[in-house]
PDB file of N, CA and C in Angstrom:
ATOM      1  N   MET A   1       0.888  -1.235   0.009  1.00  0.00           N
ATOM      2  CA  MET A   1       0.115  -0.074  -0.018  1.00  0.00           C
ATOM      3  C   MET A   1       0.967   1.306  -0.016  1.00  0.00           C
ATOM      4  N   PRO A   2       0.392   2.307  -0.593  1.00  0.00           N
ATOM      5  CA  PRO A   2       1.286   3.567  -0.548  1.00  0.00           C
ATOM      6  C   PRO A   2       1.283   4.165   0.920  1.00  0.00           C
ATOM      7  N   GLN A   3       2.336   4.936   1.157  1.00  0.00           N
ATOM      8  CA  GLN A   3       2.450   5.420   2.400  1.00  0.00           C
ATOM      9  C   GLN A   3       2.572   6.899   2.264  1.00  0.00           C
ATOM     10  N   VAL A   4       1.965   7.739   3.274  1.00  0.00           N
ATOM     11  CA  VAL A   4       2.154   9.126   3.319  1.00  0.00           C
ATOM     12  C   VAL A   4       3.007   9.379   4.611  1.00  0.00           C
ATOM     13  N   HIS A   5       4.206  10.264   4.289  1.00  0.00           N
ATOM     14  CA  HIS A   5       5.027  10.639   5.252  1.00  0.00           C
ATOM     15  C   HIS A   5       4.666  11.975   5.694  1.00  0.00           C
ATOM     16  N   VAL A   6       4.217  12.273   7.058  1.00  0.00           N
ATOM     17  CA  VAL A   6       3.799  13.375   7.663  1.00  0.00           C
ATOM     18  C   VAL A   6       4.736  14.179   8.402  1.00  0.00           C
ATOM     19  N   PRO A   7       5.227  15.387   8.016  1.00  0.00           N
ATOM     20  CA  PRO A   7       6.233  16.221   8.770  1.00  0.00           C
ATOM     21  C   PRO A   7       5.662  16.443  10.047  1.00  0.00           C
ATOM     22  N   SER A   8       6.660  16.512  11.134  1.00  0.00           N
ATOM     23  CA  SER A   8       6.240  16.655  12.596  1.00  0.00           C
ATOM     24  C   SER A   8       5.358  17.957  12.794  1.00  0.00           C
ATOM     25  N   ARG A   9       5.442  18.865  12.128  1.00  0.00           N
ATOM     26  CA  ARG A   9       4.373  20.115  12.440  1.00  0.00           C
ATOM     27  C   ARG A   9       3.041  19.778  12.015  1.00  0.00           C
ATOM     28  N   TYR A  10       2.758  18.835  11.134  1.00  0.00           N
ATOM     29  CA  TYR A  10       1.489  18.251  10.783  1.00  0.00           C
ATOM     30  C   TYR A  10       0.867  17.147  11.489  1.00  0.00           C
ATOM     31  N   ARG A  11       1.742  16.805  12.515  1.00  0.00           N
ATOM     32  CA  ARG A  11       1.067  15.472  13.143  1.00  0.00           C
ATOM     33  C   ARG A  11       0.173  15.613  14.341  1.00  0.00           C
ATOM     34  N   VAL A  12      -0.256  16.732  14.541  1.00  0.00           N
ATOM     35  CA  VAL A  12      -1.346  16.906  15.623  1.00  0.00           C
ATOM     36  C   VAL A  12      -2.527  16.130  15.207  1.00  0.00           C
ATOM     37  N   PRO A  13      -3.150  16.523  13.877  1.00  0.00           N
ATOM     38  CA  PRO A  13      -4.254  15.605  13.561  1.00  0.00           C
ATOM     39  C   PRO A  13      -3.982  14.268  13.510  1.00  0.00           C
ATOM     40  N   THR A  14      -2.845  13.819  13.141  1.00  0.00           N
ATOM     41  CA  THR A  14      -2.432  12.418  13.068  1.00  0.00           C
ATOM     42  C   THR A  14      -2.214  11.537  14.393  1.00  0.00           C
ATOM     43  N   LYS A  15      -2.089  12.412  15.385  1.00  0.00           N
ATOM     44  CA  LYS A  15      -1.934  11.986  16.903  1.00  0.00           C
ATOM     45  C   LYS A  15      -0.530  11.426  16.822  1.00  0.00           C
ATOM     46  N   GLY A  16       0.378  12.124  16.179  1.00  0.00           N
ATOM     47  CA  GLY A  16       1.758  11.765  16.339  1.00  0.00           C
ATOM     48  C   GLY A  16       2.294  10.837  15.132  1.00  0.00           C
ATOM     49  N   GLU A  17       1.446  10.275  14.305  1.00  0.00           N
ATOM     50  CA  GLU A  17       1.868   9.314  13.446  1.00  0.00           C
ATOM     51  C   GLU A  17       2.530  10.088  12.228  1.00  0.00           C
ATOM     52  N   GLY A  18       3.611   9.562  11.898  1.00  0.00           N
ATOM     53  CA  GLY A  18       4.526  10.092  10.874  1.00  0.00           C
ATOM     54  C   GLY A  18       4.455   9.318   9.636  1.00  0.00           C
ATOM     55  N   GLN A  19       4.238   8.066   9.652  1.00  0.00           N
ATOM     56  CA  GLN A  19       4.057   7.336   8.281  1.00  0.00           C
ATOM     57  C   GLN A  19       2.697   6.530   8.542  1.00  0.00           C
ATOM     58  N   ILE A  20       1.965   6.763   7.307  1.00  0.00           N
ATOM     59  CA  ILE A  20       0.501   6.350   7.410  1.00  0.00           C
ATOM     60  C   ILE A  20       0.380   5.583   6.138  1.00  0.00           C
ATOM     61  N   GLU A  21       0.136   4.242   6.265  1.00  0.00           N
ATOM     62  CA  GLU A  21      -0.233   3.458   4.986  1.00  0.00           C
ATOM     63  C   GLU A  21      -1.774   3.730   4.757  1.00  0.00           C
ATOM     64  N   VAL A  22      -1.988   3.720   3.317  1.00  0.00           N
ATOM     65  CA  VAL A  22      -3.296   4.101   3.032  1.00  0.00           C
ATOM     66  C   VAL A  22      -3.556   3.215   1.705  1.00  0.00           C
ATOM     67  N   ASP A  23      -5.051   2.981   1.491  1.00  0.00           N
ATOM     68  CA  ASP A  23      -5.463   2.093   0.347  1.00  0.00           C
ATOM     69  C   ASP A  23      -5.941   3.118  -0.553  1.00  0.00           C
ATOM     70  N   ALA A  24      -5.112   3.737  -1.610  1.00  0.00           N
ATOM     71  CA  ALA A  24      -5.622   4.719  -2.574  1.00  0.00           C
ATOM     72  C   ALA A  24      -4.840   4.494  -3.753  1.00  0.00           C
ATOM     73  N   SER A  25      -5.322   5.219  -4.927  1.00  0.00           N
ATOM     74  CA  SER A  25      -4.667   4.887  -6.074  1.00  0.00           C
ATOM     75  C   SER A  25      -4.243   6.128  -6.771  1.00  0.00           C
ATOM     76  N   THR A  26      -4.509   7.346  -6.180  1.00  0.00           N
ATOM     77  CA  THR A  26      -3.923   8.569  -6.674  1.00  0.00           C
ATOM     78  C   THR A  26      -3.336   9.293  -5.516  1.00  0.00           C
ATOM     79  N   VAL A  27      -2.555  10.395  -5.719  1.00  0.00           N
ATOM     80  CA  VAL A  27      -1.977  11.198  -4.527  1.00  0.00           C
ATOM     81  C   VAL A  27      -3.036  11.715  -3.680  1.00  0.00           C
ATOM     82  N   ARG A  28      -4.010  12.500  -4.546  1.00  0.00           N
ATOM     83  CA  ARG A  28      -5.080  13.174  -4.012  1.00  0.00           C
ATOM     84  C   ARG A  28      -5.935  12.172  -2.993  1.00  0.00           C
ATOM     85  N   ALA A  29      -6.120  10.900  -3.368  1.00  0.00           N
ATOM     86  CA  ALA A  29      -6.960   9.896  -2.849  1.00  0.00           C
ATOM     87  C   ALA A  29      -6.097   9.523  -1.544  1.00  0.00           C
ATOM     88  N   CYS A  30      -4.738   9.480  -1.461  1.00  0.00           N
ATOM     89  CA  CYS A  30      -3.904   9.305  -0.356  1.00  0.00           C
ATOM     90  C   CYS A  30      -4.232  10.309   0.709  1.00  0.00           C
ATOM     91  N   ILE A  31      -4.149  11.653   0.275  1.00  0.00           N
ATOM     92  CA  ILE A  31      -4.540  12.670   1.240  1.00  0.00           C
ATOM     93  C   ILE A  31      -5.699  12.483   1.788  1.00  0.00           C
ATOM     94  N   GLU A  32      -6.937  12.146   1.002  1.00  0.00           N
ATOM     95  CA  GLU A  32      -8.242  12.023   1.444  1.00  0.00           C
ATOM     96  C   GLU A  32      -8.314  10.747   2.356  1.00  0.00           C
ATOM     97  N   ALA A  33      -7.630   9.784   2.179  1.00  0.00           N
ATOM     98  CA  ALA A  33      -7.584   8.416   2.913  1.00  0.00           C
ATOM     99  C   ALA A  33      -7.036   8.980   4.323  1.00  0.00           C
ATOM    100  N   VAL A  34      -5.916   9.772   4.441  1.00  0.00           N
ATOM    101  CA  VAL A  34      -5.418  10.073   5.758  1.00  0.00           C
ATOM    102  C   VAL A  34      -6.401  10.963   6.422  1.00  0.00           C
ATOM    103  N   GLU A  35      -7.159  11.937   5.740  1.00  0.00           N
ATOM    104  CA  GLU A  35      -8.205  12.724   6.272  1.00  0.00           C
ATOM    105  C   GLU A  35      -9.384  11.799   6.679  1.00  0.00           C
ATOM    106  N   ALA A  36      -9.808  10.897   6.147  1.00  0.00           N
ATOM    107  CA  ALA A  36     -10.820  10.007   6.542  1.00  0.00           C
ATOM    108  C   ALA A  36     -10.409   9.399   7.989  1.00  0.00           C
ATOM    109  N   ARG A  37      -9.270   9.050   8.195  1.00  0.00           N
ATOM    110  CA  ARG A  37      -8.643   8.413   9.515  1.00  0.00           C
ATOM    111  C   ARG A  37      -8.353   9.420  10.502  1.00  0.00           C
ATOM    112  N   TYR A  38      -7.883  10.505   9.901  1.00  0.00           N
ATOM    113  CA  TYR A  38      -7.433  11.678  10.842  1.00  0.00           C
ATOM    114  C   TYR A  38      -8.090  13.031  10.444  1.00  0.00           C
ATOM    115  N   PRO A  39      -9.153  13.294  10.761  1.00  0.00           N
ATOM    116  CA  PRO A  39      -9.792  14.614  10.366  1.00  0.00           C
ATOM    117  C   PRO A  39      -9.005  15.752  10.788  1.00  0.00           C
ATOM    118  N   GLY A  40      -9.039  16.718   9.940  1.00  0.00           N
ATOM    119  CA  GLY A  40      -8.152  17.961  10.099  1.00  0.00           C
ATOM    120  C   GLY A  40      -6.870  17.766   9.341  1.00  0.00           C
ATOM    121  N   PHE A  41      -6.367  16.793   8.794  1.00  0.00           N
ATOM    122  CA  PHE A  41      -5.128  16.714   8.193  1.00  0.00           C
ATOM    123  C   PHE A  41      -5.214  17.303   6.758  1.00  0.00           C
ATOM    124  N   GLN A  42      -6.184  17.045   6.153  1.00  0.00           N
ATOM    125  CA  GLN A  42      -6.299  17.591   4.561  1.00  0.00           C
ATOM    126  C   GLN A  42      -6.295  19.064   4.573  1.00  0.00           C
ATOM    127  N   GLU A  43      -6.899  19.894   5.452  1.00  0.00           N
ATOM    128  CA  GLU A  43      -6.881  21.173   5.501  1.00  0.00           C
ATOM    129  C   GLU A  43      -5.575  21.889   5.653  1.00  0.00           C
ATOM    130  N   LEU A  44      -4.543  20.967   6.040  1.00  0.00           N
ATOM    131  CA  LEU A  44      -3.251  21.467   6.241  1.00  0.00           C
ATOM    132  C   LEU A  44      -2.471  21.551   4.934  1.00  0.00           C
ATOM    133  N   ILE A  45      -2.958  20.581   3.926  1.00  0.00           N
ATOM    134  CA  ILE A  45      -2.374  20.361   2.678  1.00  0.00           C
ATOM    135  C   ILE A  45      -3.012  21.000   1.482  1.00  0.00           C
ATOM    136  N   LEU A  46      -4.410  20.900   1.669  1.00  0.00           N
ATOM    137  CA  LEU A  46      -5.297  21.478   0.478  1.00  0.00           C
ATOM    138  C   LEU A  46      -6.110  22.425   0.920  1.00  0.00           C
ATOM    139  N   ASN A  47      -6.464  23.488  -0.039  1.00  0.00           N
ATOM    140  CA  ASN A  47      -7.407  24.493   0.284  1.00  0.00           C
ATOM    141  C   ASN A  47      -8.755  24.008   0.029  1.00  0.00           C
ATOM    142  N   ALA A  48      -9.676  25.038   0.140  1.00  0.00           N
ATOM    143  CA  ALA A  48     -11.064  24.813   0.031  1.00  0.00           C
ATOM    144  C   ALA A  48     -11.553  24.237  -1.236  1.00  0.00           C
ATOM    145  N   LYS A  49     -10.658  24.637  -2.327  1.00  0.00           N
ATOM    146  CA  LYS A  49     -10.899  24.301  -3.558  1.00  0.00           C
ATOM    147  C   LYS A  49     -10.319  22.817  -4.079  1.00  0.00           C
ATOM    148  N   GLY A  50      -9.642  22.211  -2.974  1.00  0.00           N
ATOM    149  CA  GLY A  50      -8.876  21.025  -3.332  1.00  0.00           C
ATOM    150  C   GLY A  50      -7.650  21.149  -4.026  1.00  0.00           C
ATOM    151  N   GLU A  51      -7.149  22.344  -3.941  1.00  0.00           N
ATOM    152  CA  GLU A  51      -5.706  22.507  -4.624  1.00  0.00           C
ATOM    153  C   GLU A  51      -4.658  22.590  -3.407  1.00  0.00           C
ATOM    154  N   LEU A  52      -3.515  22.329  -3.745  1.00  0.00           N
ATOM    155  CA  LEU A  52      -2.437  22.513  -2.840  1.00  0.00           C
ATOM    156  C   LEU A  52      -2.134  23.871  -2.352  1.00  0.00           C
ATOM    157  N   HIS A  53      -2.052  24.020  -1.067  1.00  0.00           N
ATOM    158  CA  HIS A  53      -1.841  25.259  -0.582  1.00  0.00           C
ATOM    159  C   HIS A  53      -0.560  25.762  -1.034  1.00  0.00           C
ATOM    160  N   LEU A  54      -0.448  27.075  -1.139  1.00  0.00           N
ATOM    161  CA  LEU A  54       0.596  27.870  -1.905  1.00  0.00           C
ATOM    162  C   LEU A  54       1.934  27.442  -1.538  1.00  0.00           C
ATOM    163  N   PHE A  55       2.278  27.346  -0.236  1.00  0.00           N
ATOM    164  CA  PHE A  55       3.533  27.102   0.242  1.00  0.00           C
ATOM    165  C   PHE A  55       3.877  25.561   0.538  1.00  0.00           C
ATOM    166  N   SER A  56       2.870  24.755   0.278  1.00  0.00           N
ATOM    167  CA  SER A  56       3.048  23.187   0.592  1.00  0.00           C
ATOM    168  C   SER A  56       3.572  22.530  -0.617  1.00  0.00           C
ATOM    169  N   LYS A  57       4.351  21.428  -0.253  1.00  0.00           N
ATOM    170  CA  LYS A  57       4.952  20.846  -1.410  1.00  0.00           C
ATOM    171  C   LYS A  57       4.723  19.336  -1.217  1.00  0.00           C
ATOM    172  N   LEU A  58       4.410  18.708  -2.281  1.00  0.00           N
ATOM    173  CA  LEU A  58       4.265  17.034  -2.165  1.00  0.00           C
ATOM    174  C   LEU A  58       5.540  16.425  -3.119  1.00  0.00           C
ATOM    175  N   PHE A  59       5.955  15.393  -2.604  1.00  0.00           N
ATOM    176  CA  PHE A  59       7.032  14.585  -3.233  1.00  0.00           C
ATOM    177  C   PHE A  59       6.372  13.165  -3.586  1.00  0.00           C
ATOM    178  N   LEU A  60       6.677  12.518  -4.531  1.00  0.00           N
ATOM    179  CA  LEU A  60       6.395  11.221  -4.767  1.00  0.00           C
ATOM    180  C   LEU A  60       7.567  10.405  -5.063  1.00  0.00           C
ATOM    181  N   ASN A  61       7.933   9.689  -4.157  1.00  0.00           N
ATOM    182  CA  ASN A  61       9.193   8.811  -4.314  1.00  0.00           C
ATOM    183  C   ASN A  61      10.399   9.621  -4.461  1.00  0.00           C
ATOM    184  N   GLY A  62      10.369  10.866  -3.697  1.00  0.00           N
ATOM    185  CA  GLY A  62      11.542  11.659  -3.617  1.00  0.00           C
ATOM    186  C   GLY A  62      11.502  12.697  -4.698  1.00  0.00           C
ATOM    187  N   GLU A  63      10.576  12.649  -5.627  1.00  0.00           N
ATOM    188  CA  GLU A  63      10.422  13.582  -6.740  1.00  0.00           C
ATOM    189  C   GLU A  63       9.473  14.547  -6.506  1.00  0.00           C
ATOM    190  N   LEU A  64       9.812  15.975  -6.690  1.00  0.00           N
ATOM    191  CA  LEU A  64       8.822  16.976  -6.338  1.00  0.00           C
ATOM    192  C   LEU A  64       7.502  16.811  -7.342  1.00  0.00           C
ATOM    193  N   LEU A  65       6.376  16.793  -6.862  1.00  0.00           N
ATOM    194  CA  LEU A  65       5.181  16.831  -7.767  1.00  0.00           C
ATOM    195  C   LEU A  65       4.864  18.311  -8.091  1.00  0.00           C
ATOM    196  N   ASP A  66       4.418  18.369  -9.292  1.00  0.00           N
ATOM    197  CA  ASP A  66       3.913  19.735  -9.914  1.00  0.00           C
ATOM    198  C   ASP A  66       2.661  19.901  -9.151  1.00  0.00           C
ATOM    199  N   ARG A  67       2.423  21.248  -8.959  1.00  0.00           N
ATOM    200  CA  ARG A  67       1.331  21.575  -8.010  1.00  0.00           C
ATOM    201  C   ARG A  67      -0.198  21.077  -8.633  1.00  0.00           C
ATOM    202  N   ASN A  68      -0.271  20.912 -10.099  1.00  0.00           N
ATOM    203  CA  ASN A  68      -1.413  20.355 -10.625  1.00  0.00           C
ATOM    204  C   ASN A  68      -1.346  18.763 -10.873  1.00  0.00           C
ATOM    205  N   ALA A  69      -0.445  18.086  -9.989  1.00  0.00           N
ATOM    206  CA  ALA A  69      -0.410  16.647 -10.341  1.00  0.00           C
ATOM    207  C   ALA A  69      -1.113  15.797  -9.253  1.00  0.00           C
ATOM    208  N   LEU A  70      -1.972  16.314  -8.544  1.00  0.00           N
ATOM    209  CA  LEU A  70      -2.812  15.540  -7.510  1.00  0.00           C
ATOM    210  C   LEU A  70      -3.348  14.228  -7.854  1.00  0.00           C
ATOM    211  N   ASP A  71      -3.683  14.271  -9.078  1.00  0.00           N
ATOM    212  CA  ASP A  71      -4.355  12.980  -9.591  1.00  0.00           C
ATOM    213  C   ASP A  71      -3.416  12.009 -10.206  1.00  0.00           C
ATOM    214  N   THR A  72      -2.005  12.076  -9.933  1.00  0.00           N
ATOM    215  CA  THR A  72      -1.099  11.218 -10.338  1.00  0.00           C
ATOM    216  C   THR A  72      -1.343   9.888  -9.619  1.00  0.00           C
ATOM    217  N   PRO A  73      -1.275   8.787 -10.447  1.00  0.00           N
ATOM    218  CA  PRO A  73      -1.591   7.584 -10.001  1.00  0.00           C
ATOM    219  C   PRO A  73      -0.470   7.022  -9.017  1.00  0.00           C
ATOM    220  N   VAL A  74      -0.745   6.194  -7.906  1.00  0.00           N
ATOM    221  CA  VAL A  74       0.229   5.603  -7.096  1.00  0.00           C
ATOM    222  C   VAL A  74      -0.176   4.258  -6.929  1.00  0.00           C
ATOM    223  N   SER A  75       0.807   3.397  -6.391  1.00  0.00           N
ATOM    224  CA  SER A  75       0.514   1.970  -6.270  1.00  0.00           C
ATOM    225  C   SER A  75       1.505   1.495  -5.209  1.00  0.00           C
ATOM    226  N   GLY A  76       1.460   0.180  -4.904  1.00  0.00           N
ATOM    227  CA  GLY A  76       2.301  -0.591  -3.983  1.00  0.00           C
ATOM    228  C   GLY A  76       3.072   0.098  -2.997  1.00  0.00           C
ATOM    229  N   ASP A  77       4.333   0.334  -3.287  1.00  0.00           N
ATOM    230  CA  ASP A  77       5.204   0.755  -2.343  1.00  0.00           C
ATOM    231  C   ASP A  77       5.629   2.365  -2.471  1.00  0.00           C
ATOM    232  N   ASP A  78       4.727   3.042  -3.325  1.00  0.00           N
ATOM    233  CA  ASP A  78       4.926   4.589  -3.333  1.00  0.00           C
ATOM    234  C   ASP A  78       4.946   5.049  -2.196  1.00  0.00           C
ATOM    235  N   VAL A  79       5.668   6.244  -2.154  1.00  0.00           N
ATOM    236  CA  VAL A  79       5.808   7.001  -0.861  1.00  0.00           C
ATOM    237  C   VAL A  79       5.610   8.588  -1.290  1.00  0.00           C
ATOM    238  N   ILE A  80       4.441   9.183  -0.495  1.00  0.00           N
ATOM    239  CA  ILE A  80       4.189  10.474  -0.780  1.00  0.00           C
ATOM    240  C   ILE A  80       4.751  11.204   0.530  1.00  0.00           C
ATOM    241  N   SER A  81       5.577  12.166   0.204  1.00  0.00           N
ATOM    242  CA  SER A  81       5.995  12.951   1.384  1.00  0.00           C
ATOM    243  C   SER A  81       5.562  14.377   1.356  1.00  0.00           C
ATOM    244  N   VAL A  82       5.168  14.873   2.437  1.00  0.00           N
ATOM    245  CA  VAL A  82       4.534  16.223   2.554  1.00  0.00           C
ATOM    246  C   VAL A  82       5.782  17.144   3.111  1.00  0.00           C
ATOM    247  N   LEU A  83       5.977  18.347   2.493  1.00  0.00           N
ATOM    248  CA  LEU A  83       6.833  19.247   3.008  1.00  0.00           C
ATOM    249  C   LEU A  83       6.103  20.408   3.456  1.00  0.00           C
ATOM    250  N   ALA A  84       6.079  20.652   4.756  1.00  0.00           N
ATOM    251  CA  ALA A  84       5.362  21.630   5.413  1.00  0.00           C
ATOM    252  C   ALA A  84       6.207  23.135   5.192  1.00  0.00           C
ATOM    253  N   PRO A  85       5.432  24.115   5.049  1.00  0.00           N
ATOM    254  CA  PRO A  85       6.015  25.421   4.911  1.00  0.00           C
ATOM    255  C   PRO A  85       6.533  25.900   6.189  1.00  0.00           C
ATOM    256  N   ALA A  86       7.801  26.554   6.003  1.00  0.00           N
ATOM    257  CA  ALA A  86       8.330  27.139   7.247  1.00  0.00           C
ATOM    258  C   ALA A  86       8.621  28.574   7.003  1.00  0.00           C
ATOM    259  N   ALA A  87       8.505  29.453   8.114  1.00  0.00           N
ATOM    260  CA  ALA A  87       8.662  30.804   7.893  1.00  0.00           C
ATOM    261  C   ALA A  87       9.516  31.383   8.962  1.00  0.00           C
ATOM    262  N   GLY A  88      10.330  32.301   8.753  1.00  0.00           N
ATOM    263  CA  GLY A  88      11.150  32.862   9.907  1.00  0.00           C
ATOM    264  C   GLY A  88      11.867  34.204   9.434  1.00  0.00           C
ATOM    265  N   GLY A  89      12.741  34.498  10.350  1.00  0.00           N
ATOM    266  CA  GLY A  89      13.325  35.796   9.880  1.00  0.00           C
ATOM    267  C   GLY A  89      14.566  36.033  10.828  1.00  0.00           C
TER     268      GLY A  89
END
């Protein structure tokens, strides 16, 4: 099953879980599957229109996904990694 890697700053909804296996066939479906198990997760990644938040990034097997590639197919041992935005100065 595909796996979603969650950065530490997004682990409040996942109750501390950093690696979550999901039964899904696209990147978007993986995020939705995590949301179904851990409500509040999806709003950290996607806006109300279902688009990737401006400063969030997703990687599939270590490769940066295009912002419009949420419907990219996934399978078996694929890994989706979420990169949380950070600000500072």
